[in-house]
Protein backbone atom coordinates (compact mmCIF):
# COMPACT_ATOMS: atom_id res chain seq x y z
CA UNK A 1 0.00 0.00 0.00
CA UNK A 2 1.24 3.53 -0.84
CA UNK A 3 0.34 5.91 1.99
CA UNK A 4 0.60 9.72 1.90
CA UNK A 5 0.89 11.31 5.37
CA UNK A 6 0.03 15.03 5.53
CA UNK A 7 1.03 16.93 8.68
CA UNK A 8 1.34 20.57 9.75
CA UNK A 9 3.98 19.64 12.34
CA UNK A 10 7.14 17.58 11.98
CA UNK A 11 10.78 17.50 13.02
CA UNK A 12 12.57 19.52 14.32
CA UNK A 13 9.38 20.10 16.36
CA UNK A 14 9.04 17.63 19.23
CA UNK A 15 5.49 16.69 20.20
CA UNK A 16 3.10 13.76 20.36
CA UNK A 17 1.95 14.12 16.76
CA UNK A 18 5.51 13.87 15.46
CA UNK A 19 6.19 10.86 17.70
CA UNK A 20 3.03 9.13 16.48
CA UNK A 21 3.91 9.75 12.83
CA UNK A 22 7.41 8.34 13.24
CA UNK A 23 6.28 5.27 15.20
CA UNK A 24 3.56 4.30 12.74
CA UNK A 25 5.67 5.16 9.70
CA UNK A 26 8.52 2.93 10.85
CA UNK A 27 6.18 0.00 11.53
CA UNK A 28 4.24 0.42 8.28
CA UNK A 29 7.48 0.38 6.31
CA UNK A 30 8.63 -2.72 8.20
CA UNK A 31 5.36 -4.32 7.11
CA UNK A 32 6.23 -3.61 3.46
CA UNK A 33 4.18 -0.45 2.85
CA UNK A 34 5.52 2.77 1.30
CA UNK A 35 4.94 5.92 3.38
CA UNK A 36 5.39 9.37 1.81
CA UNK A 37 5.43 12.34 4.18
CA UNK A 38 4.24 15.87 3.30
CA UNK A 39 5.11 18.54 5.87
CA UNK A 40 6.38 22.15 6.22
CA UNK A 41 9.96 23.11 5.43
CA UNK A 42 11.75 24.40 8.52
CA UNK A 43 14.56 26.99 8.33
CA UNK A 44 14.91 26.45 4.55
CA UNK A 45 16.20 22.92 5.17
CA UNK A 46 15.06 19.87 3.23
CA UNK A 47 15.02 16.36 4.58
CA UNK A 48 17.52 13.98 2.93
CA UNK A 49 14.83 11.28 2.99
CA UNK A 50 13.53 10.99 -0.61
CA UNK A 51 10.06 10.09 0.68
CA UNK A 52 9.69 13.37 2.61
CA UNK A 53 8.30 16.35 0.68
CA UNK A 54 8.30 19.89 2.05
CA UNK A 55 5.88 22.76 1.53
CA UNK A 56 7.51 26.21 1.81
CA UNK A 57 6.48 27.75 5.12
CA UNK A 58 6.83 30.64 7.53
CA UNK A 59 6.31 30.86 11.31
CA UNK A 60 2.89 31.93 12.58
CA UNK A 61 2.80 35.48 13.91
CA UNK A 62 0.90 34.55 17.08
CA UNK A 63 3.27 34.67 20.04
CA UNK A 64 2.14 31.30 21.43
CA UNK A 65 2.47 29.56 18.04
CA UNK A 66 5.93 30.69 16.93
CA UNK A 67 7.12 27.04 16.84
CA UNK A 68 4.45 26.17 14.27
CA UNK A 69 4.57 26.89 10.55
CA UNK A 70 2.10 28.17 7.97
CA UNK A 71 2.67 26.17 4.78
CA UNK A 72 2.14 27.70 1.35
CA UNK A 73 0.85 25.80 -1.69
CA UNK A 74 3.64 24.33 -3.81
CA UNK A 75 3.32 23.30 -7.45
CA UNK A 76 6.45 21.08 -7.27
CA UNK A 77 4.96 19.22 -4.29
CA UNK A 78 1.56 18.86 -5.96
CA UNK A 79 3.26 17.57 -9.11
CA UNK A 80 5.24 15.07 -7.05
CA UNK A 81 2.01 13.78 -5.52
CA UNK A 82 0.51 13.28 -8.96
CA UNK A 83 3.40 10.97 -9.89
CA UNK A 84 2.96 8.76 -6.83
CA UNK A 85 0.45 5.94 -6.97
CA UNK A 86 -1.17 6.84 -3.64
CA UNK A 87 -3.73 4.41 -2.22
CA UNK A 88 -4.72 6.41 0.86
CA UNK A 89 -4.16 9.85 2.37
CA UNK A 90 -3.65 10.04 6.15
CA UNK A 91 -3.78 13.59 7.54
CA UNK A 92 -2.61 14.40 11.07
CA UNK A 93 -3.66 18.00 11.76
CA UNK A 94 -6.71 19.89 10.40
CA UNK A 95 -4.49 22.89 9.54
CA UNK A 96 -3.59 24.28 6.16
CA UNK A 97 -1.63 21.18 5.07
CA UNK A 98 -4.66 19.21 6.26
CA UNK A 99 -6.74 21.37 3.90
CA UNK A 100 -4.34 20.45 1.06
CA UNK A 101 -4.95 16.79 1.95
CA UNK A 102 -8.71 17.34 1.56
CA UNK A 103 -8.20 19.09 -1.75
CA UNK A 104 -5.91 16.40 -3.17
CA UNK A 105 -8.27 13.69 -1.95
CA UNK A 106 -11.11 15.34 -3.87
CA UNK A 107 -9.18 16.18 -7.04
CA UNK A 108 -7.29 12.90 -7.39
CA UNK A 109 -10.07 10.66 -6.05
CA UNK A 110 -8.03 9.19 -3.17
CA UNK A 111 -9.69 8.05 0.08
CA UNK A 112 -8.77 10.13 3.11
CA UNK A 113 -8.37 9.12 6.78
CA UNK A 114 -7.72 11.71 9.49
CA UNK A 115 -6.27 11.23 12.98
CA UNK A 116 -7.70 13.73 15.47
CA UNK A 117 -4.64 13.97 17.71
CA UNK A 118 -5.38 17.18 19.58
CA UNK A 119 -8.45 18.25 21.52
CA UNK A 120 -8.36 21.79 20.16
CA UNK A 121 -11.23 22.88 22.40
CA UNK A 122 -8.68 22.92 25.25
CA UNK A 123 -6.32 25.20 23.29
CA UNK A 124 -8.71 28.04 22.46
CA UNK A 125 -6.88 30.30 24.94
CA UNK A 126 -4.18 30.59 22.26
CA UNK A 127 -6.65 32.03 19.73
CA UNK A 128 -6.92 35.86 19.55
CA UNK A 129 -10.74 35.61 19.64
CA UNK A 130 -13.48 35.71 22.28
CA UNK A 131 -13.65 32.27 23.94
CA UNK A 132 -17.26 31.63 22.93
CA UNK A 133 -16.50 32.29 19.27
CA UNK A 134 -13.24 30.31 19.41
CA UNK A 135 -14.99 27.24 20.84
CA UNK A 136 -17.78 27.49 18.27
CA UNK A 137 -15.23 27.62 15.45
CA UNK A 138 -13.29 24.61 16.81
CA UNK A 139 -16.46 22.49 16.83
CA UNK A 140 -17.51 23.73 13.39
CA UNK A 141 -14.11 23.18 11.73
CA UNK A 142 -13.71 19.76 13.37
CA UNK A 143 -17.16 18.67 12.21
CA UNK A 144 -16.68 19.92 8.65
CA UNK A 145 -13.11 18.63 8.27
CA UNK A 146 -13.74 15.18 9.73
CA UNK A 147 -17.02 14.88 7.85
CA UNK A 148 -15.16 15.11 4.57
CA UNK A 149 -12.95 12.13 5.40
CA UNK A 150 -13.81 8.49 4.83
CA UNK A 151 -12.83 7.61 8.41
CA UNK A 152 -11.51 9.38 11.50
CA UNK A 153 -9.05 7.87 13.97
CA UNK A 154 -9.37 8.87 17.61
CA UNK A 155 -6.51 8.08 20.02
CA UNK A 156 -8.95 7.54 22.93
CA UNK A 157 -12.60 6.85 23.65
CA UNK A 158 -13.03 10.24 25.33
CA UNK A 159 -11.89 12.04 22.18
CA UNK A 160 -14.32 9.95 20.14
CA UNK A 161 -17.13 11.01 22.48
CA UNK A 162 -16.09 14.65 22.05
CA UNK A 163 -16.11 14.35 18.24
CA UNK A 164 -19.58 12.80 18.36
CA UNK A 165 -20.67 15.74 20.53
CA UNK A 166 -19.43 18.09 17.77
CA UNK A 167 -21.67 16.24 15.31
CA UNK A 168 -18.94 14.41 13.35
CA UNK A 169 -20.74 11.87 11.14
CA UNK A 170 -17.73 9.98 9.73
CA UNK A 171 -16.97 6.52 11.16
CA UNK A 172 -14.57 6.90 14.11
CA UNK A 173 -11.99 4.21 14.96
CA UNK A 174 -10.31 4.29 18.38
CA UNK A 175 -6.63 3.49 17.74
CA UNK A 176 -3.98 4.74 20.20
CA UNK A 177 -0.39 5.14 19.06
CA UNK A 178 1.55 2.03 20.06
CA UNK A 179 4.95 1.98 21.70
CA UNK A 180 7.99 0.48 20.00
CA UNK A 181 9.48 -1.62 22.78
CA UNK A 182 11.94 -3.44 20.49
CA UNK A 183 13.92 -0.48 19.26
CA UNK A 184 17.52 -0.29 20.42
CA UNK A 185 18.26 3.02 22.12
CA UNK A 186 21.52 4.58 23.21
CA UNK A 187 20.94 5.18 26.92
CA UNK A 188 23.03 7.86 28.62
CA UNK A 189 24.02 6.77 32.16
CA UNK A 190 22.17 8.51 34.98
CA UNK A 191 25.37 9.93 36.50
CA UNK A 192 26.24 11.59 33.17
CA UNK A 193 22.80 13.23 33.02
CA UNK A 194 23.12 14.39 36.61
CA UNK A 195 26.49 16.04 35.95
CA UNK A 196 25.28 17.61 32.70
CA UNK A 197 22.21 19.20 34.28
CA UNK A 198 23.66 19.72 37.79
CA UNK A 199 21.23 17.38 39.52
CA UNK A 200 22.63 16.29 42.93
CA UNK A 201 23.06 12.56 43.52
CA UNK A 202 20.90 12.81 46.65
CA UNK A 203 17.87 14.04 44.66
CA UNK A 204 15.40 11.43 43.36
CA UNK A 205 14.22 12.61 39.96
CA UNK A 206 10.56 13.11 39.13
CA UNK A 207 10.27 13.71 35.39
CA UNK A 208 7.82 15.45 33.10
CA UNK A 209 8.33 15.29 29.32
CA UNK A 210 6.45 17.41 26.81
CA UNK A 211 5.90 20.79 25.24
CA UNK A 212 6.06 23.49 27.89
CA UNK A 213 2.68 25.08 27.28
CA UNK A 214 -0.20 26.11 29.48
CA UNK A 215 -2.16 23.01 28.49
CA UNK A 216 0.44 20.72 30.14
CA UNK A 217 -0.48 22.13 33.58
CA UNK A 218 3.13 22.23 34.79
CA UNK A 219 2.21 24.83 37.43
CA UNK A 220 0.28 22.04 39.15
CA UNK A 221 3.47 19.96 39.37
CA UNK A 222 5.33 22.93 40.86
CA UNK A 223 2.73 23.09 43.64
CA UNK A 224 3.19 19.36 44.21
CA UNK A 225 6.97 19.85 44.52
CA UNK A 226 6.34 22.72 46.93
CA UNK A 227 4.28 20.37 49.12
CA UNK A 228 6.92 17.63 48.96
CA UNK A 229 9.66 20.11 49.86
CA UNK A 230 7.91 20.82 53.16
CA UNK A 231 8.30 17.15 54.14
CA UNK A 232 11.49 15.95 52.46
CA UNK A 233 14.66 17.18 50.76
CA UNK A 234 15.35 14.26 48.39
CA UNK A 235 13.19 15.11 45.34
CA UNK A 236 13.48 17.32 42.29
CA UNK A 237 11.33 17.82 39.19
CA UNK A 238 13.07 17.57 35.82
CA UNK A 239 11.07 19.21 33.01
CA UNK A 240 12.27 17.81 29.67
CA UNK A 241 11.24 19.85 26.64
CA UNK A 242 10.65 23.47 25.75
CA UNK A 243 7.87 25.78 24.73
CA UNK A 244 6.28 29.22 25.13
CA UNK A 245 5.50 28.88 28.84
CA UNK A 246 9.06 28.17 29.94
CA UNK A 247 9.97 31.81 30.87
CA UNK A 248 6.87 32.42 33.06
CA UNK A 249 7.31 29.00 34.69
CA UNK A 250 10.93 29.83 35.52
CA UNK A 251 9.68 33.03 37.17
CA UNK A 252 7.12 30.97 39.12
CA UNK A 253 9.86 28.57 40.23
CA UNK A 254 11.81 31.51 41.64
CA UNK A 255 8.74 32.96 43.36
CA UNK A 256 8.05 29.59 45.02
CA UNK A 257 11.69 29.22 46.07
CA UNK A 258 12.12 25.98 44.11
CA UNK A 259 15.34 26.81 42.23
CA UNK A 260 17.06 23.78 43.81
CA UNK A 261 14.09 21.47 43.18
CA UNK A 262 13.23 22.17 39.51
CA UNK A 263 15.43 21.68 36.43
CA UNK A 264 14.51 22.71 32.86
CA UNK A 265 16.55 20.81 30.27
CA UNK A 266 15.22 22.37 27.06
CA UNK A 267 14.86 20.16 24.00
CA UNK A 268 16.86 16.92 24.06
CA UNK A 269 17.27 14.04 21.61
CA UNK A 270 14.80 11.14 21.58
CA UNK A 271 17.40 8.78 23.01
CA UNK A 272 18.12 11.23 25.80
CA UNK A 273 14.39 11.43 26.59
CA UNK A 274 14.45 7.68 27.20
CA UNK A 275 17.66 8.06 29.18
CA UNK A 276 15.81 10.45 31.49
CA UNK A 277 12.91 8.00 31.76
CA UNK A 278 15.32 5.28 32.88
CA UNK A 279 17.22 7.54 35.29
CA UNK A 280 14.07 8.92 36.97
CA UNK A 281 12.14 7.44 39.86
CA UNK A 282 8.64 8.49 38.77
CA UNK A 283 7.04 9.97 35.65
CA UNK A 284 4.68 12.78 36.73
CA UNK A 285 1.98 14.12 34.41
CA UNK A 286 -0.69 16.73 35.13
CA UNK A 287 -2.10 17.54 31.68
CA UNK A 288 -5.90 17.39 31.48
CA UNK A 289 -6.01 17.81 27.69
CA UNK A 290 -3.97 14.80 26.55
CA UNK A 291 -5.73 12.78 23.87
CA UNK A 292 -3.68 9.67 24.60
CA UNK A 293 -1.11 8.49 27.12
CA UNK A 294 1.75 7.85 24.69
CA UNK A 295 4.36 9.64 26.80
CA UNK A 296 3.27 7.59 29.82
CA UNK A 297 3.75 4.39 27.83
CA UNK A 298 7.21 5.55 26.78
CA UNK A 299 8.17 6.12 30.41
CA UNK A 300 6.69 2.77 31.39
CA UNK A 301 8.70 1.01 28.68
CA UNK A 302 11.78 1.92 30.73
CA UNK A 303 10.24 0.49 33.92
CA UNK A 304 9.35 3.92 35.33
CA UNK A 305 5.97 4.01 37.11
CA UNK A 306 3.70 7.03 36.66
CA UNK A 307 1.55 9.33 38.75
CA UNK A 308 -0.87 11.22 36.53
CA UNK A 309 -4.02 13.30 36.70
CA UNK A 310 -6.99 11.16 35.69
CA UNK A 311 -8.20 12.94 32.55
CA UNK A 312 -8.78 12.36 28.82
CA UNK A 313 -6.47 9.81 27.19
CA UNK A 314 -4.59 9.18 30.42
CA UNK A 315 -7.78 7.70 31.86
CA UNK A 316 -7.90 5.05 29.10
CA UNK A 317 -4.35 3.97 29.87
CA UNK A 318 -4.49 4.07 33.68
CA UNK A 319 -8.01 2.71 34.18
CA UNK A 320 -6.73 -0.69 35.38
CA UNK A 321 -4.45 0.85 38.03
CA UNK A 322 -1.39 -0.97 36.68
CA UNK A 323 1.96 0.78 36.30
CA UNK A 324 1.24 3.67 38.63
CA UNK A 325 -1.56 5.85 39.98
CA UNK A 326 -4.20 8.10 38.42
CA UNK A 327 -5.67 10.69 40.76
CA UNK A 328 -7.89 13.74 40.93
CA UNK A 329 -6.60 17.22 40.11
CA UNK A 330 -5.58 17.66 43.75
CA UNK A 331 -2.06 18.62 44.86
CA UNK A 332 -2.16 16.70 48.13
CA UNK A 333 -3.53 13.50 46.61
CA UNK A 334 -0.94 13.64 43.83
CA UNK A 335 1.91 14.27 46.31
CA UNK A 336 0.71 11.42 48.52
CA UNK A 337 0.92 8.94 45.62
CA UNK A 338 4.43 10.18 44.78
CA UNK A 339 5.56 9.64 48.38
CA UNK A 340 3.90 6.23 48.51
CA UNK A 341 6.00 5.09 45.54
CA UNK A 342 9.19 6.66 46.84
CA UNK A 343 8.90 5.19 50.33
CA UNK A 344 7.51 1.69 49.70
CA UNK A 345 10.21 -0.33 47.93
CA UNK A 346 8.05 -3.41 47.40
CA UNK A 347 5.20 -1.33 45.95
CA UNK A 348 7.67 0.47 43.70
CA UNK A 349 9.09 -2.80 42.33
CA UNK A 350 5.55 -4.09 41.72
CA UNK A 351 4.44 -0.94 39.87
CA UNK A 352 7.68 -0.87 37.86
CA UNK A 353 7.12 -4.46 36.68
CA UNK A 354 3.51 -3.63 35.80
CA UNK A 355 4.68 -0.59 33.82
CA UNK A 356 7.09 -2.65 31.72
CA UNK A 357 4.43 -5.29 31.04
CA UNK A 358 1.82 -2.69 30.06
CA UNK A 359 4.18 -1.02 27.57
CA UNK A 360 4.60 -4.38 25.81
CA UNK A 361 0.83 -4.90 25.69
CA UNK A 362 0.30 -1.58 23.89
CA UNK A 363 2.72 -2.50 21.13
CA UNK A 364 3.02 -0.63 17.85
CA UNK A 365 2.57 -3.92 15.97
CA UNK A 366 -0.95 -4.37 17.32
CA UNK A 367 -1.94 -0.73 16.77
CA UNK A 368 -0.53 -0.74 13.22
CA UNK A 369 -2.64 -3.79 12.37
CA UNK A 370 -5.71 -1.86 13.52
CA UNK A 371 -4.63 1.20 11.53
CA UNK A 372 -4.35 -0.90 8.36
CA UNK A 373 -7.85 -2.30 8.92
CA UNK A 374 -9.12 1.30 9.12
CA UNK A 375 -7.31 2.15 5.86
CA UNK A 376 -8.78 -0.89 4.12
CA UNK A 377 -12.29 0.01 5.26
CA UNK A 378 -11.83 3.60 4.05
CA UNK A 379 -10.69 2.36 0.63
CA UNK A 380 -13.63 -0.08 0.42
CA UNK A 381 -16.15 2.65 1.38
CA UNK A 382 -14.63 5.04 -1.15
CA UNK A 383 -14.87 2.49 -3.96
CA UNK A 384 -18.44 1.62 -3.03
CA UNK A 385 -19.86 5.08 -2.36
CA UNK A 386 -17.41 7.64 -3.71
CA UNK A 387 -16.43 10.84 -1.92
CA UNK A 388 -19.21 11.37 0.66
CA UNK A 389 -19.82 14.97 1.63
CA UNK A 390 -20.33 16.13 5.19
CA UNK A 391 -23.92 15.63 6.29
CA UNK A 392 -24.65 13.27 3.37
CA UNK A 393 -23.04 10.08 4.68
CA UNK A 394 -25.18 6.94 4.45
CA UNK A 395 -26.18 5.77 7.93
CA UNK A 396 -24.84 2.25 7.42
CA UNK A 397 -21.32 3.61 6.75
CA UNK A 398 -21.25 5.72 9.90
CA UNK A 399 -22.53 2.84 11.99
CA UNK A 400 -19.61 0.48 11.31
CA UNK A 401 -17.63 -0.38 14.47
CA UNK A 402 -14.03 0.71 14.81
CA UNK A 403 -11.24 -1.87 14.62
CA UNK A 404 -10.61 -3.44 18.01
CA UNK A 405 -13.88 -2.15 19.44
CA UNK A 406 -14.94 1.28 20.68
């Protein structure tokens, strides 16, 4: 199968969408499929990979979106697409490259599947519009965009429920991104990381990995560290990643007197992310907008148990209580679970073993098989019914169950 992936975000950006693209692309290619990637060009650099095509782009002018790119139409890229024998289009973001995916799907008669990675309703604070209007537009655009696809992939059941609430009438398949537990990684020893980032040997590392934005709720973790500091001196929070909220968070760290308890690393390589997972005692996660728990699975693959706020995609992953704790959005409850893991060695060993086992259960091989079933259904629907417009989808198409159940 020849698969065209359209995305508004890709390397050098580091986020869950990019990770999902790379994980699925690698597994699809191992399975014998060809995956062509269409993404923005960053800093006038092209990718040496011959299967990666770049749209010319420029940074957005919004202060909170300076990492993201606005991609312009490109005749050379469109011509390249016309020469590829594409079987299916898989878009990742309903941005302007997502709009190109819709256009090419219509013009070249290629079935289109979209993965709804991000719950944009929780990001409307970034939009320079009144909140009521912003939320209305998110629901409208999501409904119209998804309704023009043959199928939609949701990374969690809660996101599927949200899309149904918007009125999306396309069939929705719940398929989380799997974790590649087989891949060999170059792990940097913990003592090297500690020296590099000036983390004392006596401090047990709690780690958070992700884009440093308001939606990640890192201020909550700072309050948790403040509580822990009142009772013990052996913990520190390591925030791995970067983003627009880093400067105000550094100010907040100073105001709370946590300069010795919080470390910001900035962007690091993927292998170094996993090195931090392995070197840390607990993965801590407070985001209430996450559409799936991929970063938790990555931490668990290194045997690191998690304490996370029970919300959105995290709830799907942590529902069975294995590999860590999910709790309410409460500083004291969160801190209590952290201390329980730190102080009970037998409990820690048990949760660590559960974490490793769970990461293997959510393997990329299984999720890729489900993704291919979704592609095959989209192709079959397209051949049978043609390009179905939003609001005109036959009921029996929309009623089909998603692969693996919903």
